[in-house]
Amino acid sequence: MDIVVQTTGIRKVYGTKSNLITVLEDIDFAVQEGEFVAIMGPSGAGKTTLLNILATIDKPTSGSVRINGTEITSLSDEPLSEFRRSKLGFIFQDYNLLDSLTIRENIMLPMTFSNKYDVSTDLRVNEIAGKLGIGAILDRYPYETSGGQKQRAAAARAIIHNPTLVLADEPTGALDSKASMDLLSAFQLMNNEYGTTILMVTHDAFAASYCDRVLFMKDGRLFTEIVKGDKDRKWFFDRLVMTLSNLGGGSYDII
């Protein structure tokens, strides 16, 4: 399989010479096409900073980030914006849906922004929405839907343009347990049926147990990783909880 994400020697430092704060130090990892990977760790471990760098929102102080073979750290503003629109999909904790647009129109936004809307877009929206269980609410507005439905709409929006990589930032953080399970099942469907490569930052061991592999961070460095392999999700969950306990220094949701 092709490597979708490759980071080498990522370092991120804030502040001035007299007061430097190192947030990330020597981060090396790769994500292969079709993987579903989580990043976990205590508060302040550097998870969000790393995600922001991969999302092209921030740049590392030094090091290399290649996504789909493109070195994103060297791109200027306009090519970077185009790369973000065409190659990346985003799912946030707070949905980021526009209340003035219907669920259907929200899902279509990436196609509209990239001028790729055509007749087949409607068919793709209907197909994805149906598989994610939100086909019946496409003509409602976000304020007329539940939190779980909004987040599945955000997931549909993230994959409508066939991105190389979907980045999810604490996607279950605002959801109850039932809505979380529905969303994570939707992620598995995206991963299995559409081959979507997903990288998710989460503090929730239950959410991470749906992944193929989990990377753990501590104090700005990669600490360890656990691969699910052919084990069941209960085994994986138990290993995640044990590793989080060994890491210490943070609080975690265990469902």
C-alpha atoms as a PDB file:
ATOM      1  CA  MET A   1       0.000   0.000   0.000  1.00  0.00           C
ATOM      2  CA  ASP A   2       1.075   3.585  -0.631  1.00  0.00           C
ATOM      3  CA  ILE A   3       2.160   5.811   2.230  1.00  0.00           C
ATOM      4  CA  VAL A   4      -0.308   8.688   2.626  1.00  0.00           C
ATOM      5  CA  VAL A   5       1.390  10.501   5.530  1.00  0.00           C
ATOM      6  CA  GLN A   6       5.125  10.544   6.241  1.00  0.00           C
ATOM      7  CA  THR A   7       6.613  12.814   8.901  1.00  0.00           C
ATOM      8  CA  THR A   8      10.350  13.004   9.572  1.00  0.00           C
ATOM      9  CA  GLY A   9      12.003  14.858  12.429  1.00  0.00           C
ATOM     10  CA  ILE A  10       9.036  17.141  13.131  1.00  0.00           C
ATOM     11  CA  ARG A  11       9.874  19.771  15.718  1.00  0.00           C
ATOM     12  CA  LYS A  12       7.709  22.671  16.888  1.00  0.00           C
ATOM     13  CA  VAL A  13       9.007  25.412  19.153  1.00  0.00           C
ATOM     14  CA  TYR A  14       7.192  28.507  20.402  1.00  0.00           C
ATOM     15  CA  GLY A  15       8.589  31.614  22.068  1.00  0.00           C
ATOM     16  CA  THR A  16      11.837  33.559  21.907  1.00  0.00           C
ATOM     17  CA  LYS A  17      15.431  32.581  22.631  1.00  0.00           C
ATOM     18  CA  SER A  18      15.075  33.494  26.287  1.00  0.00           C
ATOM     19  CA  ASN A  19      11.820  31.570  26.702  1.00  0.00           C
ATOM     20  CA  LEU A  20      11.563  28.645  24.282  1.00  0.00           C
ATOM     21  CA  ILE A  21       8.814  26.052  24.672  1.00  0.00           C
ATOM     22  CA  THR A  22       9.257  22.823  22.704  1.00  0.00           C
ATOM     23  CA  VAL A  23       5.842  21.349  21.889  1.00  0.00           C
ATOM     24  CA  LEU A  24       6.933  18.637  19.444  1.00  0.00           C
ATOM     25  CA  GLU A  25      10.317  16.924  19.300  1.00  0.00           C
ATOM     26  CA  ASP A  26      11.574  14.495  16.645  1.00  0.00           C
ATOM     27  CA  ILE A  27       8.204  13.122  15.479  1.00  0.00           C
ATOM     28  CA  ASP A  28       8.598  10.336  12.911  1.00  0.00           C
ATOM     29  CA  PHE A  29       5.673   8.202  11.758  1.00  0.00           C
ATOM     30  CA  ALA A  30       3.859   7.018   8.654  1.00  0.00           C
ATOM     31  CA  VAL A  31       0.235   6.238   7.806  1.00  0.00           C
ATOM     32  CA  GLN A  32      -0.531   3.891   4.946  1.00  0.00           C
ATOM     33  CA  GLU A  33      -3.390   4.213   2.498  1.00  0.00           C
ATOM     34  CA  GLY A  34      -6.622   2.861   3.973  1.00  0.00           C
ATOM     35  CA  GLU A  35      -5.488   2.903   7.608  1.00  0.00           C
ATOM     36  CA  PHE A  36      -7.633   4.182  10.469  1.00  0.00           C
ATOM     37  CA  VAL A  37      -5.169   5.571  13.037  1.00  0.00           C
ATOM     38  CA  ALA A  38      -5.687   7.378  16.346  1.00  0.00           C
ATOM     39  CA  ILE A  39      -3.319   9.657  18.248  1.00  0.00           C
ATOM     40  CA  MET A  40      -3.723   9.659  22.035  1.00  0.00           C
ATOM     41  CA  GLY A  41      -1.937  11.090  25.054  1.00  0.00           C
ATOM     42  CA  PRO A  42      -2.313  13.312  28.123  1.00  0.00           C
ATOM     43  CA  SER A  43      -3.349  16.945  27.861  1.00  0.00           C
ATOM     44  CA  GLY A  44      -0.370  18.954  26.644  1.00  0.00           C
ATOM     45  CA  ALA A  45       1.260  15.993  24.891  1.00  0.00           C
ATOM     46  CA  GLY A  46       1.242  17.834  21.534  1.00  0.00           C
ATOM     47  CA  LYS A  47      -1.596  15.953  19.811  1.00  0.00           C
ATOM     48  CA  THR A  48      -3.484  19.017  18.591  1.00  0.00           C
ATOM     49  CA  THR A  49      -0.311  20.787  17.480  1.00  0.00           C
ATOM     50  CA  LEU A  50       0.637  17.762  15.403  1.00  0.00           C
ATOM     51  CA  LEU A  51      -2.848  17.567  13.894  1.00  0.00           C
ATOM     52  CA  ASN A  52      -2.729  21.270  13.022  1.00  0.00           C
ATOM     53  CA  ILE A  53       0.565  20.745  11.197  1.00  0.00           C
ATOM     54  CA  LEU A  54      -0.872  17.835   9.220  1.00  0.00           C
ATOM     55  CA  ALA A  55      -3.963  19.939   8.477  1.00  0.00           C
ATOM     56  CA  THR A  56      -1.700  22.692   7.029  1.00  0.00           C
ATOM     57  CA  ILE A  57      -3.061  25.122   9.641  1.00  0.00           C
ATOM     58  CA  ASP A  58       0.378  25.397  11.259  1.00  0.00           C
ATOM     59  CA  LYS A  59       3.948  24.745  10.116  1.00  0.00           C
ATOM     60  CA  PRO A  60       6.690  22.884  11.978  1.00  0.00           C
ATOM     61  CA  THR A  61       9.796  24.713  13.130  1.00  0.00           C
ATOM     62  CA  SER A  62      11.785  22.009  11.347  1.00  0.00           C
ATOM     63  CA  GLY A  63      11.263  18.617   9.779  1.00  0.00           C
ATOM     64  CA  SER A  64       9.407  17.150   6.822  1.00  0.00           C
ATOM     65  CA  VAL A  65       5.698  16.411   6.281  1.00  0.00           C
ATOM     66  CA  ARG A  66       4.723  14.602   3.109  1.00  0.00           C
ATOM     67  CA  ILE A  67       1.073  13.897   2.323  1.00  0.00           C
ATOM     68  CA  ASN A  68       0.353  11.856  -0.782  1.00  0.00           C
ATOM     69  CA  GLY A  69       3.950  12.493  -1.841  1.00  0.00           C
ATOM     70  CA  THR A  70       3.736  16.297  -1.541  1.00  0.00           C
ATOM     71  CA  GLU A  71       6.057  18.125   0.849  1.00  0.00           C
ATOM     72  CA  ILE A  72       3.466  20.441   2.384  1.00  0.00           C
ATOM     73  CA  THR A  73       5.912  22.449   4.507  1.00  0.00           C
ATOM     74  CA  SER A  74       7.410  24.044   1.388  1.00  0.00           C
ATOM     75  CA  LEU A  75       4.140  25.098  -0.267  1.00  0.00           C
ATOM     76  CA  SER A  76       3.284  28.796  -0.500  1.00  0.00           C
ATOM     77  CA  ASP A  77      -0.143  30.079   0.559  1.00  0.00           C
ATOM     78  CA  GLU A  78      -2.118  29.593  -2.669  1.00  0.00           C
ATOM     79  CA  PRO A  79      -0.907  26.054  -3.512  1.00  0.00           C
ATOM     80  CA  LEU A  80      -1.337  25.150   0.160  1.00  0.00           C
ATOM     81  CA  SER A  81      -4.964  26.314   0.128  1.00  0.00           C
ATOM     82  CA  GLU A  82      -5.623  24.314  -3.030  1.00  0.00           C
ATOM     83  CA  PHE A  83      -3.965  21.250  -1.494  1.00  0.00           C
ATOM     84  CA  ARG A  84      -6.116  21.604   1.622  1.00  0.00           C
ATOM     85  CA  ARG A  85      -9.323  21.884  -0.429  1.00  0.00           C
ATOM     86  CA  SER A  86      -8.611  18.962  -2.749  1.00  0.00           C
ATOM     87  CA  LYS A  87      -6.636  16.467  -0.654  1.00  0.00           C
ATOM     88  CA  LEU A  88      -7.859  16.842   2.937  1.00  0.00           C
ATOM     89  CA  GLY A  89     -11.159  16.289   4.729  1.00  0.00           C
ATOM     90  CA  PHE A  90     -11.917  17.602   8.212  1.00  0.00           C
ATOM     91  CA  ILE A  91     -14.204  16.523  11.055  1.00  0.00           C
ATOM     92  CA  PHE A  92     -14.276  18.721  14.154  1.00  0.00           C
ATOM     93  CA  GLN A  93     -15.762  18.323  17.616  1.00  0.00           C
ATOM     94  CA  ASP A  94     -18.202  21.201  17.059  1.00  0.00           C
ATOM     95  CA  TYR A  95     -19.447  20.048  13.588  1.00  0.00           C
ATOM     96  CA  ASN A  96     -18.768  23.399  11.797  1.00  0.00           C
ATOM     97  CA  LEU A  97     -21.985  23.146   9.798  1.00  0.00           C
ATOM     98  CA  LEU A  98     -23.639  26.294   8.447  1.00  0.00           C
ATOM     99  CA  ASP A  99     -27.153  26.768   9.856  1.00  0.00           C
ATOM    100  CA  SER A 100     -28.190  28.777   6.779  1.00  0.00           C
ATOM    101  CA  LEU A 101     -27.653  25.721   4.550  1.00  0.00           C
ATOM    102  CA  THR A 102     -29.462  22.391   4.513  1.00  0.00           C
ATOM    103  CA  ILE A 103     -27.613  19.212   5.451  1.00  0.00           C
ATOM    104  CA  ARG A 104     -27.398  18.388   1.731  1.00  0.00           C
ATOM    105  CA  GLU A 105     -25.896  21.793   0.931  1.00  0.00           C
ATOM    106  CA  ASN A 106     -23.440  21.501   3.816  1.00  0.00           C
ATOM    107  CA  ILE A 107     -22.233  18.140   2.524  1.00  0.00           C
ATOM    108  CA  MET A 108     -21.772  19.606  -0.957  1.00  0.00           C
ATOM    109  CA  LEU A 109     -19.617  22.531   0.220  1.00  0.00           C
ATOM    110  CA  PRO A 110     -16.207  21.048  -0.685  1.00  0.00           C
ATOM    111  CA  MET A 111     -17.425  20.402  -4.235  1.00  0.00           C
ATOM    112  CA  THR A 112     -18.790  23.942  -4.487  1.00  0.00           C
ATOM    113  CA  PHE A 113     -15.587  25.560  -3.229  1.00  0.00           C
ATOM    114  CA  SER A 114     -13.443  23.562  -5.657  1.00  0.00           C
ATOM    115  CA  ASN A 115     -15.807  24.149  -8.609  1.00  0.00           C
ATOM    116  CA  LYS A 116     -16.233  20.388  -9.031  1.00  0.00           C
ATOM    117  CA  TYR A 117     -20.015  20.263  -8.644  1.00  0.00           C
ATOM    118  CA  ASP A 118     -21.795  18.383 -11.433  1.00  0.00           C
ATOM    119  CA  VAL A 119     -24.793  16.095 -11.907  1.00  0.00           C
ATOM    120  CA  SER A 120     -22.988  13.161 -10.271  1.00  0.00           C
ATOM    121  CA  THR A 121     -22.523  15.139  -7.041  1.00  0.00           C
ATOM    122  CA  ASP A 122     -26.190  14.751  -6.070  1.00  0.00           C
ATOM    123  CA  LEU A 123     -25.965  11.013  -6.612  1.00  0.00           C
ATOM    124  CA  ARG A 124     -22.821  10.779  -4.476  1.00  0.00           C
ATOM    125  CA  VAL A 125     -24.425  12.832  -1.679  1.00  0.00           C
ATOM    126  CA  ASN A 126     -27.446  10.526  -1.669  1.00  0.00           C
ATOM    127  CA  GLU A 127     -25.247   7.419  -1.661  1.00  0.00           C
ATOM    128  CA  ILE A 128     -22.966   8.551   1.173  1.00  0.00           C
ATOM    129  CA  ALA A 129     -25.824   9.982   3.253  1.00  0.00           C
ATOM    130  CA  GLY A 130     -27.764   6.744   2.884  1.00  0.00           C
ATOM    131  CA  LYS A 131     -24.843   4.615   4.047  1.00  0.00           C
ATOM    132  CA  LEU A 132     -24.195   6.936   7.003  1.00  0.00           C
ATOM    133  CA  GLY A 133     -27.847   6.818   8.024  1.00  0.00           C
ATOM    134  CA  ILE A 134     -28.743  10.450   7.341  1.00  0.00           C
ATOM    135  CA  GLY A 135     -30.552  10.127   4.013  1.00  0.00           C
ATOM    136  CA  ALA A 136     -33.866  11.174   5.588  1.00  0.00           C
ATOM    137  CA  ILE A 137     -32.561  14.500   6.914  1.00  0.00           C
ATOM    138  CA  LEU A 138     -30.791  15.874   3.821  1.00  0.00           C
ATOM    139  CA  ASP A 139     -33.322  18.677   3.351  1.00  0.00           C
ATOM    140  CA  ARG A 140     -33.370  19.717   7.014  1.00  0.00           C
ATOM    141  CA  TYR A 141     -31.240  22.459   8.498  1.00  0.00           C
ATOM    142  CA  PRO A 142     -28.571  21.638  11.092  1.00  0.00           C
ATOM    143  CA  TYR A 143     -30.586  23.198  13.927  1.00  0.00           C
ATOM    144  CA  GLU A 144     -33.356  20.699  13.137  1.00  0.00           C
ATOM    145  CA  THR A 145     -31.093  17.668  13.696  1.00  0.00           C
ATOM    146  CA  SER A 146     -29.398  15.913  16.623  1.00  0.00           C
ATOM    147  CA  GLY A 147     -25.725  16.136  17.520  1.00  0.00           C
ATOM    148  CA  GLY A 148     -25.060  12.658  16.184  1.00  0.00           C
ATOM    149  CA  GLN A 149     -26.775  13.467  12.895  1.00  0.00           C
ATOM    150  CA  LYS A 150     -24.767  16.680  12.574  1.00  0.00           C
ATOM    151  CA  GLN A 151     -21.504  14.810  13.123  1.00  0.00           C
ATOM    152  CA  ARG A 152     -22.401  12.156  10.535  1.00  0.00           C
ATOM    153  CA  ALA A 153     -23.233  14.996   8.135  1.00  0.00           C
ATOM    154  CA  ALA A 154     -19.779  16.425   8.863  1.00  0.00           C
ATOM    155  CA  ALA A 155     -18.302  12.997   8.105  1.00  0.00           C
ATOM    156  CA  ALA A 156     -20.168  12.899   4.777  1.00  0.00           C
ATOM    157  CA  ARG A 157     -18.889  16.388   3.947  1.00  0.00           C
ATOM    158  CA  ALA A 158     -15.336  15.263   4.763  1.00  0.00           C
ATOM    159  CA  ILE A 159     -15.354  12.470   2.173  1.00  0.00           C
ATOM    160  CA  ILE A 160     -17.619  13.862  -0.583  1.00  0.00           C
ATOM    161  CA  HIS A 161     -14.605  15.014  -2.651  1.00  0.00           C
ATOM    162  CA  ASN A 162     -12.594  11.786  -2.244  1.00  0.00           C
ATOM    163  CA  PRO A 163      -9.806  13.297  -0.120  1.00  0.00           C
ATOM    164  CA  THR A 164      -6.445  11.610   0.332  1.00  0.00           C
ATOM    165  CA  LEU A 165      -6.700  11.974   4.109  1.00  0.00           C
ATOM    166  CA  VAL A 166      -9.467  12.728   6.634  1.00  0.00           C
ATOM    167  CA  LEU A 167      -8.366  14.412   9.869  1.00  0.00           C
ATOM    168  CA  ALA A 168     -10.714  14.136  12.851  1.00  0.00           C
ATOM    169  CA  ASP A 169     -10.212  16.242  15.989  1.00  0.00           C
ATOM    170  CA  GLU A 170     -12.010  14.790  19.046  1.00  0.00           C
ATOM    171  CA  PRO A 171     -15.029  13.923  16.861  1.00  0.00           C
ATOM    172  CA  THR A 172     -16.952  12.181  19.666  1.00  0.00           C
ATOM    173  CA  GLY A 173     -16.223  14.827  22.308  1.00  0.00           C
ATOM    174  CA  ALA A 174     -19.671  16.457  22.187  1.00  0.00           C
ATOM    175  CA  LEU A 175     -21.690  13.272  21.654  1.00  0.00           C
ATOM    176  CA  ASP A 176     -23.460  10.877  24.001  1.00  0.00           C
ATOM    177  CA  SER A 177     -22.499   7.194  23.982  1.00  0.00           C
ATOM    178  CA  LYS A 178     -25.162   6.137  21.427  1.00  0.00           C
ATOM    179  CA  ALA A 179     -24.283   8.939  19.005  1.00  0.00           C
ATOM    180  CA  SER A 180     -20.577   8.187  19.495  1.00  0.00           C
ATOM    181  CA  MET A 181     -21.099   4.533  18.565  1.00  0.00           C
ATOM    182  CA  ASP A 182     -23.105   5.555  15.478  1.00  0.00           C
ATOM    183  CA  LEU A 183     -20.366   7.949  14.378  1.00  0.00           C
ATOM    184  CA  LEU A 184     -17.552   5.455  14.948  1.00  0.00           C
ATOM    185  CA  SER A 185     -19.486   2.835  12.991  1.00  0.00           C
ATOM    186  CA  ALA A 186     -19.781   5.428  10.217  1.00  0.00           C
ATOM    187  CA  PHE A 187     -16.006   5.925  10.354  1.00  0.00           C
ATOM    188  CA  GLN A 188     -15.487   2.188   9.971  1.00  0.00           C
ATOM    189  CA  LEU A 189     -17.836   2.167   6.993  1.00  0.00           C
ATOM    190  CA  MET A 190     -15.944   5.086   5.405  1.00  0.00           C
ATOM    191  CA  ASN A 191     -12.700   3.242   6.008  1.00  0.00           C
ATOM    192  CA  ASN A 192     -13.874  -0.184   4.805  1.00  0.00           C
ATOM    193  CA  GLU A 193     -16.177   0.691   1.901  1.00  0.00           C
ATOM    194  CA  TYR A 194     -14.586   3.867   0.564  1.00  0.00           C
ATOM    195  CA  GLY A 195     -10.991   3.107   1.572  1.00  0.00           C
ATOM    196  CA  THR A 196     -10.803   6.443   3.384  1.00  0.00           C
ATOM    197  CA  THR A 197      -7.567   7.017   5.291  1.00  0.00           C
ATOM    198  CA  ILE A 198      -8.462   8.505   8.683  1.00  0.00           C
ATOM    199  CA  LEU A 199      -6.210  10.051  11.323  1.00  0.00           C
ATOM    200  CA  MET A 200      -8.080  10.875  14.528  1.00  0.00           C
ATOM    201  CA  VAL A 201      -6.967  12.710  17.663  1.00  0.00           C
ATOM    202  CA  THR A 202      -8.927  11.525  20.687  1.00  0.00           C
ATOM    203  CA  HIS A 203      -8.689  11.198  24.464  1.00  0.00           C
ATOM    204  CA  ASP A 204     -11.368   8.482  24.442  1.00  0.00           C
ATOM    205  CA  ALA A 205     -10.111   4.871  24.595  1.00  0.00           C
ATOM    206  CA  PHE A 206     -13.522   3.617  23.442  1.00  0.00           C
ATOM    207  CA  ALA A 207     -13.293   5.725  20.266  1.00  0.00           C
ATOM    208  CA  ALA A 208      -9.685   4.692  19.662  1.00  0.00           C
ATOM    209  CA  SER A 209     -10.611   1.011  19.958  1.00  0.00           C
ATOM    210  CA  TYR A 210     -12.347   1.283  16.564  1.00  0.00           C
ATOM    211  CA  CYS A 211      -8.998   2.063  14.912  1.00  0.00           C
ATOM    212  CA  ASP A 212      -6.401  -0.229  13.340  1.00  0.00           C
ATOM    213  CA  ARG A 213      -3.516   1.347  15.234  1.00  0.00           C
ATOM    214  CA  VAL A 214      -3.010   3.893  18.009  1.00  0.00           C
ATOM    215  CA  LEU A 215       0.002   6.181  18.445  1.00  0.00           C
ATOM    216  CA  PHE A 216       0.626   7.483  21.965  1.00  0.00           C
ATOM    217  CA  MET A 217       2.304  10.817  22.665  1.00  0.00           C
ATOM    218  CA  LYS A 218       3.864  12.148  25.860  1.00  0.00           C
ATOM    219  CA  ASP A 219       5.706  15.439  26.415  1.00  0.00           C
ATOM    220  CA  GLY A 220       5.841  16.227  22.702  1.00  0.00           C
ATOM    221  CA  ARG A 221       7.289  12.882  21.647  1.00  0.00           C
ATOM    222  CA  LEU A 222       5.917   9.614  20.351  1.00  0.00           C
ATOM    223  CA  PHE A 223       5.837   7.259  23.324  1.00  0.00           C
ATOM    224  CA  THR A 224       4.652   3.948  21.860  1.00  0.00           C
ATOM    225  CA  GLU A 225       2.068   2.425  19.540  1.00  0.00           C
ATOM    226  CA  ILE A 226      -0.378  -0.471  19.717  1.00  0.00           C
ATOM    227  CA  VAL A 227      -1.581  -2.337  16.630  1.00  0.00           C
ATOM    228  CA  LYS A 228      -4.936  -4.108  16.759  1.00  0.00           C
ATOM    229  CA  GLY A 229      -4.027  -6.753  14.186  1.00  0.00           C
ATOM    230  CA  ASP A 230      -6.409  -9.715  14.270  1.00  0.00           C
ATOM    231  CA  LYS A 231      -7.395  -9.190  17.936  1.00  0.00           C
ATOM    232  CA  ASP A 232     -10.931  -8.201  18.896  1.00  0.00           C
ATOM    233  CA  ARG A 233     -11.960  -4.715  19.978  1.00  0.00           C
ATOM    234  CA  LYS A 234     -12.277  -5.649  23.673  1.00  0.00           C
ATOM    235  CA  TRP A 235      -8.652  -6.822  23.750  1.00  0.00           C
ATOM    236  CA  PHE A 236      -7.612  -3.632  21.985  1.00  0.00           C
ATOM    237  CA  PHE A 237      -9.624  -1.433  24.350  1.00  0.00           C
ATOM    238  CA  ASP A 238      -8.093  -3.107  27.411  1.00  0.00           C
ATOM    239  CA  ARG A 239      -4.581  -2.566  26.041  1.00  0.00           C
ATOM    240  CA  LEU A 240      -5.346   1.094  25.326  1.00  0.00           C
ATOM    241  CA  VAL A 241      -6.648   1.690  28.838  1.00  0.00           C
ATOM    242  CA  MET A 242      -3.586   0.004  30.335  1.00  0.00           C
ATOM    243  CA  THR A 243      -1.220   2.120  28.232  1.00  0.00           C
ATOM    244  CA  LEU A 244      -3.058   5.332  29.114  1.00  0.00           C
ATOM    245  CA  SER A 245      -2.782   4.405  32.788  1.00  0.00           C
ATOM    246  CA  ASN A 246       0.964   3.859  32.403  1.00  0.00           C
ATOM    247  CA  LEU A 247       1.340   7.190  30.630  1.00  0.00           C
ATOM    248  CA  GLY A 248      -0.323   9.088  33.493  1.00  0.00           C
ATOM    249  CA  GLY A 249      -0.666  12.823  33.689  1.00  0.00           C
ATOM    250  CA  GLY A 250      -4.057  13.055  32.043  1.00  0.00           C
ATOM    251  CA  SER A 251      -7.719  12.179  32.338  1.00  0.00           C
ATOM    252  CA  TYR A 252      -9.536   9.983  29.868  1.00  0.00           C
ATOM    253  CA  ASP A 253     -13.071   8.962  29.045  1.00  0.00           C
ATOM    254  CA  ILE A 254     -13.587   5.224  29.417  1.00  0.00           C
ATOM    255  CA  ILE A 255     -17.001   4.017  28.274  1.00  0.00           C
END
